[in-house]
Protein backbone atom coordinates (compact mmCIF):
# COMPACT_ATOMS: atom_id res chain seq x y z
CA MET A 1 -22.60 -5.76 -32.52
CA ASP A 2 -25.25 -2.92 -32.32
CA GLU A 3 -24.25 0.62 -31.06
CA GLY A 4 -26.26 -0.08 -27.77
CA CYS A 5 -24.08 -2.81 -26.64
CA ASP A 6 -20.84 -0.89 -26.70
CA ALA A 7 -22.06 3.03 -26.40
CA TRP A 8 -19.99 3.40 -23.26
CA PHE A 9 -16.64 2.13 -24.94
CA ASP A 10 -17.44 4.43 -27.96
CA ARG A 11 -17.95 7.54 -25.40
CA GLU A 12 -15.13 6.54 -23.55
CA LEU A 13 -12.53 6.11 -26.53
CA ALA A 14 -14.07 9.29 -28.50
CA GLY A 15 -10.93 11.13 -27.82
CA CYS A 16 -8.38 8.70 -29.44
CA SER A 17 -7.28 9.63 -32.58
CA PHE A 18 -4.65 7.41 -34.28
CA ALA A 19 -3.24 8.27 -37.70
CA ASP A 20 -4.65 4.90 -39.02
CA GLU A 21 -8.50 4.64 -38.57
CA ARG A 22 -8.09 0.87 -38.55
CA LEU A 23 -6.01 1.35 -35.13
CA ASN A 24 -8.98 3.25 -33.66
CA LYS A 25 -11.26 0.22 -34.41
CA ARG A 26 -9.13 -2.32 -33.11
CA LEU A 27 -8.41 -0.56 -29.67
CA ARG A 28 -12.29 -0.56 -29.67
CA LYS A 29 -12.57 -4.14 -30.33
CA LEU A 30 -10.05 -5.02 -27.82
CA VAL A 31 -11.85 -2.90 -24.99
CA VAL A 32 -14.89 -4.63 -25.62
CA ARG A 33 -13.49 -8.17 -25.75
CA ILE A 34 -11.07 -7.77 -22.75
CA GLY A 35 -14.02 -6.17 -20.68
CA SER A 36 -16.24 -9.14 -21.51
CA ALA A 37 -13.86 -11.47 -19.92
CA MET A 38 -11.57 -9.52 -17.65
CA GLY A 39 -8.55 -11.51 -16.03
CA GLN A 40 -8.64 -13.71 -18.86
CA SER A 41 -5.88 -14.24 -21.92
CA ILE A 42 -5.94 -12.68 -24.80
CA PRO A 43 -6.28 -15.97 -27.05
CA LEU A 44 -9.29 -16.50 -24.56
CA VAL A 45 -11.19 -13.03 -24.93
CA CYS A 46 -10.46 -13.13 -28.70
CA GLN A 47 -11.75 -16.65 -29.61
CA ASP A 48 -10.00 -17.20 -32.95
CA TRP A 49 -6.55 -16.99 -34.32
CA ALA A 50 -7.33 -14.03 -36.59
CA ASN A 51 -8.44 -11.71 -33.90
CA THR A 52 -5.88 -13.01 -31.53
CA LYS A 53 -3.19 -12.08 -34.16
CA ALA A 54 -4.62 -8.88 -34.82
CA ALA A 55 -4.54 -7.94 -31.01
CA TYR A 56 -0.88 -8.88 -30.77
CA ARG A 57 -0.22 -6.80 -33.81
CA PHE A 58 -2.11 -3.83 -32.18
CA LEU A 59 -0.20 -4.33 -28.93
CA SER A 60 3.33 -4.36 -30.77
CA ASN A 61 2.59 -1.54 -33.38
CA ASP A 62 5.35 0.93 -32.96
CA ARG A 63 2.76 3.56 -33.76
CA VAL A 64 0.75 2.75 -30.68
CA SER A 65 1.78 3.81 -27.39
CA GLU A 66 0.10 4.21 -23.85
CA ALA A 67 -0.51 7.99 -24.38
CA ASP A 68 -2.60 7.19 -27.80
CA ILE A 69 -4.46 4.54 -26.09
CA LEU A 70 -5.21 6.35 -23.01
CA ALA A 71 -6.29 9.94 -24.71
CA GLY A 72 -9.90 9.35 -24.89
CA HIS A 73 -10.05 8.43 -21.55
CA PHE A 74 -7.76 11.27 -20.44
CA GLN A 75 -10.37 13.56 -22.28
CA SER A 76 -13.27 11.88 -20.68
CA THR A 77 -11.67 12.33 -17.20
CA ARG A 78 -11.53 16.20 -18.04
CA ASP A 79 -15.36 15.99 -19.08
CA ARG A 80 -16.44 14.57 -15.92
CA THR A 81 -14.25 16.85 -13.87
CA VAL A 82 -15.74 19.96 -15.54
CA ALA A 83 -19.07 18.83 -14.77
CA THR A 84 -18.43 18.59 -11.07
CA ASP A 85 -18.11 21.46 -8.53
CA GLY A 86 -15.61 22.39 -5.97
CA PRO A 87 -12.11 21.06 -5.61
CA VAL A 88 -10.82 17.58 -6.93
CA LEU A 89 -8.08 15.53 -5.62
CA VAL A 90 -5.36 14.46 -7.86
CA LEU A 91 -3.72 11.07 -6.05
CA HIS A 92 -0.65 10.20 -7.17
CA ASP A 93 1.48 6.74 -6.79
CA THR A 94 3.88 4.15 -8.19
CA THR A 95 3.21 0.63 -8.60
CA GLU A 96 5.26 -2.13 -10.19
CA PHE A 97 4.43 -5.21 -12.45
CA THR A 98 6.36 -8.19 -11.78
CA TYR A 99 6.82 -10.84 -14.69
CA GLN A 100 8.72 -14.05 -15.01
CA ARG A 101 10.81 -14.10 -18.02
CA GLU A 102 14.02 -16.08 -19.24
CA ASN A 103 14.99 -12.95 -21.45
CA MET A 104 14.62 -10.35 -18.83
CA GLU A 105 16.30 -7.73 -21.25
CA ALA A 106 13.24 -7.36 -23.51
CA ILE A 107 11.36 -6.14 -20.60
CA GLY A 108 13.74 -4.55 -18.01
CA ILE A 109 14.07 -4.65 -14.24
CA THR A 110 12.47 -3.10 -11.49
CA LYS A 111 14.71 -3.97 -8.44
CA SER A 112 17.11 -6.68 -6.72
CA ILE A 113 15.80 -8.49 -3.88
CA ASN A 114 17.20 -10.84 -1.17
CA SER A 115 17.19 -14.78 -2.00
CA GLY A 116 18.27 -15.74 1.53
CA ARG A 117 21.66 -17.36 1.87
CA ASP A 118 23.47 -20.43 0.33
CA LYS A 119 25.06 -23.20 1.82
CA ALA A 120 28.06 -21.39 2.86
CA GLY A 121 26.19 -18.45 4.47
CA ARG A 122 26.57 -15.76 1.97
CA LEU A 123 23.76 -13.49 0.93
CA ARG A 124 22.08 -14.18 -2.38
CA SER A 125 20.07 -11.75 -4.63
CA HIS A 126 18.12 -12.17 -7.47
CA THR A 127 16.82 -9.49 -10.31
CA VAL A 128 13.30 -8.86 -10.62
CA CYS A 129 11.66 -8.36 -14.14
CA GLY A 130 8.90 -6.05 -14.96
CA ILE A 131 7.85 -2.50 -15.58
CA LEU A 132 6.89 0.36 -13.31
CA MET A 133 3.61 2.75 -13.69
CA HIS A 134 3.06 6.22 -12.05
CA SER A 135 -0.52 7.17 -12.38
CA SER A 136 -2.68 9.94 -11.28
CA LEU A 137 -6.12 9.44 -10.52
CA VAL A 138 -8.86 12.20 -10.09
CA VAL A 139 -11.38 11.73 -7.32
CA THR A 140 -14.07 14.03 -5.76
CA THR A 141 -13.54 15.30 -2.23
CA GLU A 142 -16.43 12.62 -1.53
CA GLY A 143 -14.17 9.85 -3.00
CA LEU A 144 -15.69 9.20 -6.41
CA PRO A 145 -13.05 8.38 -8.99
CA LEU A 146 -13.36 10.37 -12.06
CA GLY A 147 -10.69 8.90 -14.12
CA LEU A 148 -6.86 8.86 -14.88
CA ALA A 149 -5.15 12.32 -15.72
CA ALA A 150 -1.61 11.37 -16.52
CA VAL A 151 0.26 7.78 -16.54
CA LYS A 152 3.89 7.21 -17.05
CA PHE A 153 5.53 3.66 -17.87
CA TRP A 154 9.14 2.65 -17.36
CA THR A 155 12.16 0.13 -16.62
CA ARG A 156 15.11 1.01 -14.80
CA LYS A 157 17.09 0.85 -17.98
CA LYS A 158 16.31 4.74 -18.62
CA PHE A 159 17.83 5.68 -15.19
CA LYS A 160 20.61 3.39 -15.20
CA GLY A 161 23.59 4.94 -13.42
CA THR A 162 21.56 7.17 -10.97
CA ALA A 163 22.55 4.84 -8.09
CA ALA A 164 26.07 4.99 -8.79
CA LEU A 165 26.08 8.74 -9.04
CA LYS A 166 24.43 9.35 -5.66
CA LYS A 167 27.28 7.27 -4.32
CA LYS A 168 29.78 9.98 -5.50
CA ILE A 169 27.69 13.08 -4.59
CA ASN A 170 25.15 14.22 -1.98
CA PRO A 171 21.68 12.80 -3.44
CA THR A 172 20.13 16.18 -2.92
CA ARG A 173 22.70 17.57 -5.40
CA VAL A 174 21.67 15.17 -7.91
CA PRO A 175 19.63 16.98 -10.59
CA ILE A 176 15.81 16.03 -10.23
CA GLU A 177 15.94 15.43 -14.13
CA LYS A 178 18.31 12.60 -13.49
CA LYS A 179 16.13 10.80 -11.30
CA GLU A 180 13.00 8.54 -11.41
CA SER A 181 11.50 11.07 -9.09
CA VAL A 182 10.91 13.16 -12.26
CA ARG A 183 7.73 11.36 -12.78
CA TRP A 184 6.14 13.26 -9.99
CA LEU A 185 6.79 16.57 -11.56
CA GLU A 186 5.91 15.31 -14.92
CA ASN A 187 2.48 13.88 -13.82
CA ILE A 188 1.60 17.32 -11.72
CA GLN A 189 2.07 19.34 -14.82
CA GLN A 190 0.23 16.93 -17.35
CA SER A 191 -2.80 16.21 -15.09
CA THR A 192 -3.09 19.93 -14.33
CA GLU A 193 -2.73 21.00 -17.82
CA LEU A 194 -5.35 18.23 -18.77
CA LEU A 195 -7.94 19.48 -16.29
CA GLY A 196 -7.50 23.22 -17.02
CA ASP A 197 -8.48 24.44 -13.85
CA SER A 198 -5.39 24.61 -11.71
CA GLY A 199 -6.68 26.31 -8.84
CA ARG A 200 -9.32 23.62 -8.21
CA CYS A 201 -6.82 20.61 -8.11
CA ILE A 202 -5.25 19.54 -4.95
CA HIS A 203 -2.43 16.85 -5.66
CA ILE A 204 -1.92 14.43 -3.04
CA GLY A 205 1.10 11.89 -2.42
CA ASP A 206 2.79 9.86 0.03
CA ARG A 207 6.22 10.22 1.70
CA GLU A 208 7.81 9.37 -1.62
CA SER A 209 6.57 12.54 -3.04
CA ASP A 210 8.32 14.70 -0.23
CA ILE A 211 10.20 16.49 -2.91
CA TYR A 212 11.03 20.33 -2.90
CA GLU A 213 11.51 20.21 -6.77
CA LEU A 214 7.53 19.21 -6.60
CA PHE A 215 6.75 22.12 -4.21
CA CYS A 216 7.96 24.51 -6.66
CA ALA A 217 6.68 23.02 -9.87
CA ALA A 218 3.16 23.13 -8.40
CA GLN A 219 3.65 26.81 -7.57
CA LYS A 220 4.81 27.34 -11.39
CA VAL A 221 1.57 25.71 -12.64
CA ARG A 222 -0.43 27.61 -9.87
CA THR A 223 -2.00 24.30 -8.60
CA HIS A 224 -2.03 22.87 -5.00
CA PHE A 225 -0.38 20.15 -3.05
CA LEU A 226 -0.85 18.10 0.17
CA ILE A 227 2.04 15.75 0.71
CA ARG A 228 2.80 13.33 3.60
CA THR A 229 6.21 14.73 4.50
CA CYS A 230 9.37 12.72 5.81
CA VAL A 231 12.20 15.23 5.41
CA ASP A 232 13.12 17.65 8.06
CA ARG A 233 13.90 20.47 5.92
CA LEU A 234 15.63 23.78 6.64
CA ALA A 235 13.11 26.47 7.87
CA GLY A 236 13.40 30.29 8.95
CA ASP A 237 16.25 31.81 8.41
CA GLY A 238 17.99 28.29 7.87
CA ASP A 239 19.54 27.97 11.37
CA HIS A 240 16.89 25.65 12.64
CA THR A 241 14.36 22.90 11.17
CA ILE A 242 10.70 22.45 10.51
CA ALA A 243 10.73 20.00 13.44
CA ASP A 244 12.18 22.66 15.68
CA GLU A 245 9.45 25.28 15.04
CA MET A 246 6.74 22.52 15.37
CA GLU A 247 7.97 21.48 18.87
CA ALA A 248 7.09 25.11 20.13
CA VAL A 249 3.51 24.30 18.76
CA ALA A 250 0.65 23.57 21.39
CA VAL A 251 -2.29 21.20 20.52
CA LYS A 252 -5.03 23.25 18.71
CA GLY A 253 -7.45 20.63 18.36
CA LEU A 254 -8.54 17.02 18.75
CA HIS A 255 -9.95 14.53 16.46
CA ARG A 256 -11.63 11.14 16.94
CA ILE A 257 -11.64 8.60 13.92
CA ASP A 258 -12.49 4.99 13.69
CA VAL A 259 -9.59 2.62 12.90
CA ARG A 260 -9.03 -1.14 12.99
CA ASP A 261 -6.29 -3.12 14.65
CA SER A 262 -3.81 -5.61 13.13
CA ASN A 263 -6.74 -8.32 13.51
CA GLY A 264 -9.10 -6.54 11.90
CA ASN A 265 -11.03 -5.39 15.22
CA PRO A 266 -12.66 -1.91 15.14
CA ASP A 267 -10.99 0.65 17.45
CA GLU A 268 -10.75 4.37 18.18
CA ALA A 269 -8.15 6.85 17.97
CA VAL A 270 -7.86 10.46 19.40
CA LEU A 271 -5.46 12.63 17.44
CA GLU A 272 -3.76 15.71 18.77
CA ILE A 273 -3.90 18.11 15.80
CA ARG A 274 -1.09 21.10 15.27
CA TYR A 275 -0.49 23.33 12.53
CA ARG A 276 1.75 26.11 11.49
CA LYS A 277 2.99 28.21 8.60
CA ILE A 278 6.55 27.97 8.18
CA ARG A 279 8.88 29.63 5.87
CA VAL A 280 10.89 26.49 4.23
CA ARG A 281 14.15 26.63 2.66
CA PRO A 282 15.17 24.46 -0.19
CA PRO A 283 18.06 21.80 0.24
CA ILE A 284 21.62 23.73 0.57
CA GLY A 285 22.70 22.49 -2.58
CA LYS A 286 19.83 23.59 -4.50
CA GLN A 287 19.32 27.17 -2.87
CA LYS A 288 20.70 29.05 -5.79
CA ARG A 289 18.11 27.21 -8.01
CA TYR A 290 15.00 27.10 -5.97
CA PRO A 291 13.50 29.86 -3.67
CA ALA A 292 12.19 29.55 -0.18
CA LEU A 293 8.38 28.80 0.08
CA THR A 294 5.97 29.64 2.95
CA LEU A 295 3.95 26.45 3.77
CA THR A 296 1.86 24.88 6.34
CA VAL A 297 2.66 21.90 8.25
CA ILE A 298 -0.19 19.86 9.94
CA HIS A 299 1.05 17.39 12.45
CA ALA A 300 -1.68 14.75 13.54
CA GLN A 301 -0.37 12.62 16.46
CA GLU A 302 -2.34 9.92 18.24
CA ARG A 303 -2.57 10.23 22.12
CA GLY A 304 -1.37 7.25 24.20
CA THR A 305 0.17 4.01 22.71
CA PRO A 306 -2.57 1.50 21.06
CA LYS A 307 -2.35 -2.14 21.24
CA ASN A 308 -2.23 -4.66 18.36
CA ARG A 309 -1.54 -1.75 15.84
CA LYS A 310 0.92 1.19 14.93
CA LYS A 311 0.59 4.42 16.51
CA ILE A 312 -0.86 7.19 14.05
CA ASP A 313 1.66 9.79 13.44
CA TRP A 314 1.02 11.93 10.00
CA LYS A 315 2.86 15.05 9.16
CA LEU A 316 1.49 16.84 6.35
CA ILE A 317 2.80 19.70 4.35
CA THR A 318 0.76 21.87 1.84
CA ASP A 319 0.48 25.50 0.28
CA LEU A 320 -3.17 25.32 1.10
CA PRO A 321 -4.49 27.95 3.79
CA VAL A 322 -5.10 26.40 7.21
CA GLY A 323 -6.77 28.96 9.45
CA SER A 324 -8.62 26.45 12.16
CA PRO A 325 -8.78 23.03 13.70
CA ALA A 326 -11.52 22.22 11.25
CA ASP A 327 -9.34 23.50 8.21
CA ALA A 328 -6.76 21.05 9.56
CA ILE A 329 -9.05 18.09 10.03
CA GLY A 330 -10.36 18.58 6.71
CA LYS A 331 -6.98 18.22 5.09
CA LEU A 332 -6.27 15.26 6.93
CA GLU A 333 -9.57 13.74 5.71
CA TRP A 334 -8.49 14.55 2.08
CA TYR A 335 -5.15 12.72 2.36
CA ALA A 336 -7.07 9.75 3.82
CA LEU A 337 -8.60 9.45 0.39
CA ARG A 338 -5.09 8.56 -0.99
CA TRP A 339 -5.76 4.72 -0.45
CA LYS A 340 -8.27 4.92 -3.39
CA ILE A 341 -5.38 4.94 -5.68
CA GLU A 342 -4.31 1.74 -4.16
CA VAL A 343 -7.60 0.16 -4.63
CA PHE A 344 -7.19 0.88 -8.33
CA HIS A 345 -3.73 -0.60 -8.69
CA LYS A 346 -5.32 -3.58 -6.90
CA ILE A 347 -8.14 -3.72 -9.49
CA LEU A 348 -5.71 -3.59 -12.18
CA LYS A 349 -3.66 -6.61 -10.65
CA SER A 350 -6.46 -8.71 -9.03
CA GLY A 351 -8.97 -8.25 -11.72
CA CYS A 352 -7.52 -7.67 -14.74
CA LYS A 353 -4.51 -9.93 -13.69
CA ALA A 354 -1.92 -7.63 -15.34
CA GLU A 355 0.79 -9.49 -13.88
CA GLU A 356 -0.32 -12.89 -15.76
CA SER A 357 0.38 -11.46 -19.31
CA LYS A 358 2.73 -13.36 -21.49
CA LEU A 359 3.81 -10.60 -23.76
CA ARG A 360 7.44 -10.43 -24.24
CA THR A 361 8.46 -6.45 -24.32
CA ALA A 362 7.95 -3.64 -22.15
CA GLN A 363 6.29 -1.56 -25.02
CA ARG A 364 3.57 -4.61 -25.39
CA LEU A 365 2.84 -4.90 -21.85
CA ALA A 366 2.74 -1.03 -21.38
CA ASN A 367 0.18 -0.98 -24.08
CA LEU A 368 -1.99 -3.68 -22.49
CA VAL A 369 -2.01 -2.27 -19.14
CA SER A 370 -3.09 0.91 -20.42
CA VAL A 371 -6.23 -1.16 -21.71
CA PHE A 372 -6.61 -2.28 -18.33
CA CYS A 373 -6.45 0.99 -16.96
CA ILE A 374 -9.64 2.01 -18.63
CA LEU A 375 -11.51 -1.01 -17.57
CA SER A 376 -10.10 -0.85 -14.01
CA TRP A 377 -11.35 2.64 -13.67
CA ARG A 378 -14.99 1.72 -14.77
CA VAL A 379 -15.30 -0.97 -12.13
CA PHE A 380 -13.97 1.32 -9.48
CA TRP A 381 -16.12 4.18 -10.90
CA MET A 382 -19.38 2.01 -10.57
CA THR A 383 -18.56 0.61 -7.17
CA MET A 384 -18.09 4.09 -5.82
CA LEU A 385 -21.24 5.20 -7.69
CA ASN A 386 -23.35 2.85 -5.95
CA ARG A 387 -22.41 4.57 -2.65
CA SER A 388 -22.11 8.34 -3.73
CA ALA A 389 -24.88 8.55 -6.24
CA PRO A 390 -27.23 5.74 -5.43
CA ASP A 391 -30.37 7.60 -6.52
CA ALA A 392 -29.25 8.95 -10.07
CA LEU A 393 -30.51 7.80 -13.40
CA PRO A 394 -29.33 4.41 -14.58
CA THR A 395 -28.30 5.71 -17.86
CA LEU A 396 -25.58 7.73 -15.69
CA ALA A 397 -23.37 4.51 -16.10
CA LEU A 398 -25.08 1.93 -18.02
CA THR A 399 -26.28 1.79 -21.87
CA ALA A 400 -29.80 0.87 -23.11
CA THR A 401 -28.67 -2.55 -23.93
CA GLU A 402 -27.07 -3.12 -20.60
CA ILE A 403 -30.10 -2.09 -18.77
CA ALA A 404 -32.50 -4.19 -20.91
CA VAL A 405 -30.47 -7.33 -20.33
CA LEU A 406 -30.46 -6.76 -16.42
CA ASP A 407 -34.10 -6.49 -16.50
CA ARG A 408 -34.28 -9.82 -18.21
CA LEU A 409 -31.54 -11.66 -16.58
CA VAL A 410 -31.92 -10.45 -12.89
CA ASN A 411 -35.46 -10.50 -11.41
CA ASP A 412 -36.43 -7.59 -9.48
CA LYS A 413 -37.10 -7.94 -5.81
CA PRO A 414 -41.09 -7.34 -4.72
CA LYS A 415 -42.07 -4.04 -4.35
CA VAL A 416 -39.63 -2.06 -6.50
CA ARG A 417 -41.38 1.14 -7.71
CA TRP A 418 -38.43 3.21 -8.94
CA LYS A 419 -35.50 1.85 -10.56
CA THR A 420 -32.33 3.74 -9.73
CA LEU A 421 -28.61 3.32 -10.54
CA SER A 422 -28.19 1.60 -7.41
CA HIS A 423 -31.01 -0.83 -8.31
CA TYR A 424 -28.86 -1.77 -11.38
CA LEU A 425 -25.58 -1.87 -9.94
CA ILE A 426 -26.84 -4.39 -7.30
CA LYS A 427 -28.03 -6.55 -10.08
CA ILE A 428 -24.57 -6.24 -11.48
CA ALA A 429 -23.10 -7.38 -8.28
CA ARG A 430 -25.50 -10.36 -8.02
CA LEU A 431 -24.16 -11.52 -11.45
CA GLY A 432 -20.68 -11.45 -9.75
CA GLY A 433 -21.98 -13.50 -6.65
CA TYR A 434 -23.25 -10.66 -4.34
CA LEU A 435 -26.11 -12.05 -2.31
CA ALA A 436 -27.63 -8.66 -1.54
CA ARG A 437 -29.07 -9.70 1.73
CA ALA A 438 -30.50 -7.00 4.15
CA ASN A 439 -27.44 -6.63 6.37
CA ASP A 440 -24.71 -7.20 3.78
CA PRO A 441 -22.53 -3.95 3.15
CA PRO A 442 -22.38 -2.45 -0.17
CA PRO A 443 -20.84 -4.43 -3.02
CA GLY A 444 -17.09 -4.22 -3.68
CA ASN A 445 -14.85 -4.09 -6.45
CA THR A 446 -14.69 -7.77 -6.92
CA VAL A 447 -18.16 -8.41 -7.16
CA MET A 448 -18.48 -5.61 -9.42
CA TRP A 449 -15.85 -6.65 -11.78
CA ARG A 450 -16.99 -10.38 -12.11
CA GLY A 451 -20.62 -9.04 -12.53
CA LEU A 452 -19.47 -6.50 -15.25
CA SER A 453 -17.49 -9.03 -17.15
CA ARG A 454 -20.83 -11.29 -17.16
CA LEU A 455 -22.80 -8.46 -18.26
CA THR A 456 -20.56 -7.42 -21.15
CA ASP A 457 -20.32 -10.93 -22.39
CA ILE A 458 -24.11 -11.49 -22.24
CA ALA A 459 -25.00 -8.08 -23.72
CA LEU A 460 -22.64 -8.99 -26.79
CA GLY A 461 -24.07 -12.29 -27.18
CA ALA A 462 -27.46 -10.59 -27.09
CA SER A 463 -26.65 -8.18 -29.94
CA VAL A 464 -25.04 -10.88 -32.23
CA GLY A 465 -28.24 -12.76 -31.70
CA ALA A 466 -30.53 -9.94 -32.34
């Protein structure tokens, strides 16, 4: 295996520093092998019992954690962020991985769901086995994913008893440290510290992240947030709410956006934009612990009632300045990029098939998903590079070996003069089934992960046969 074949993995994992150098080598081999057959089982990608056994030992090693596996990728994320200019968006979201196991105790639970009714008409439920992951993905304002900055795995064992506690007292009085919501605060702190320049970071989350403690945590580390709000908090002197103040705000601008209805047909929505700076107060039970904050609320509501889709109604809250309709629209466009972290999670589940693993414990599964995170980010990164930086040099994302293999494996189209990064990324997509016809849209993540798997496998074979 020559250095050119897997130089990309060497660079991405350079920041990993296990106490035992053999663990560094095993991680490198594991990433290369899984990358050559994304979505396949460990025995298949390892090919023989010796390598399969070594992979299982690595994933079950008590000295190996998700933080150790991702340390190099986190450092690479920081390096890529430093190399860019302007603000960066840190997208936060939670996803769960579900598994079928006879012994659920070894992994843990995620939730209890309704199973319908029995013959007597009584409701039944069953417990879902799995792990949860809260991730923080760094993207540019153009939507290019630079990498992960923080990841947390857990099962519900850790927070057992929280639901019972909420039945006894008002949920707003439960300390944040006793809630699963603390993961939002921890990831904001970790990602901000990693990236180094807190003023450039804008942390973006959905309605689940509308947590007053999060606002204060962001202020404490001098970073920024843009959150979709769902809580009508006390405002001003505490004798009215945010909604009361926003009702008095006139429409300050209109914004037209292209959308699709429930049938996938194109449509246009006209949004009425309102915004106002408001003095927001903490929950009553926490006013002694947290200060009031001056924040800006942006409300974008669609005119009229659309057919075949839900009416757009976004309420955002931020500590960023909003002085004009253009500023407000800019914040809405930033929030609209939040769906990219959902695409990343989709690649984890559909491309790497993270939920099909047969590993038996939560620790092993978390370690395996951490490896998948590195590979899934690369697929997503290269897909978006083709759209955001098509004219860049191919060496930005590909090794010399990969470029040489693509030149031999996929024929160039007539009249090609300058081989850009996009030229080679299209070749990778063609390996994954992309037809590259004149009117085809840019290749998506599915054909890219298929093509990258084939490319890695072929490049590995070429290095062995050299």
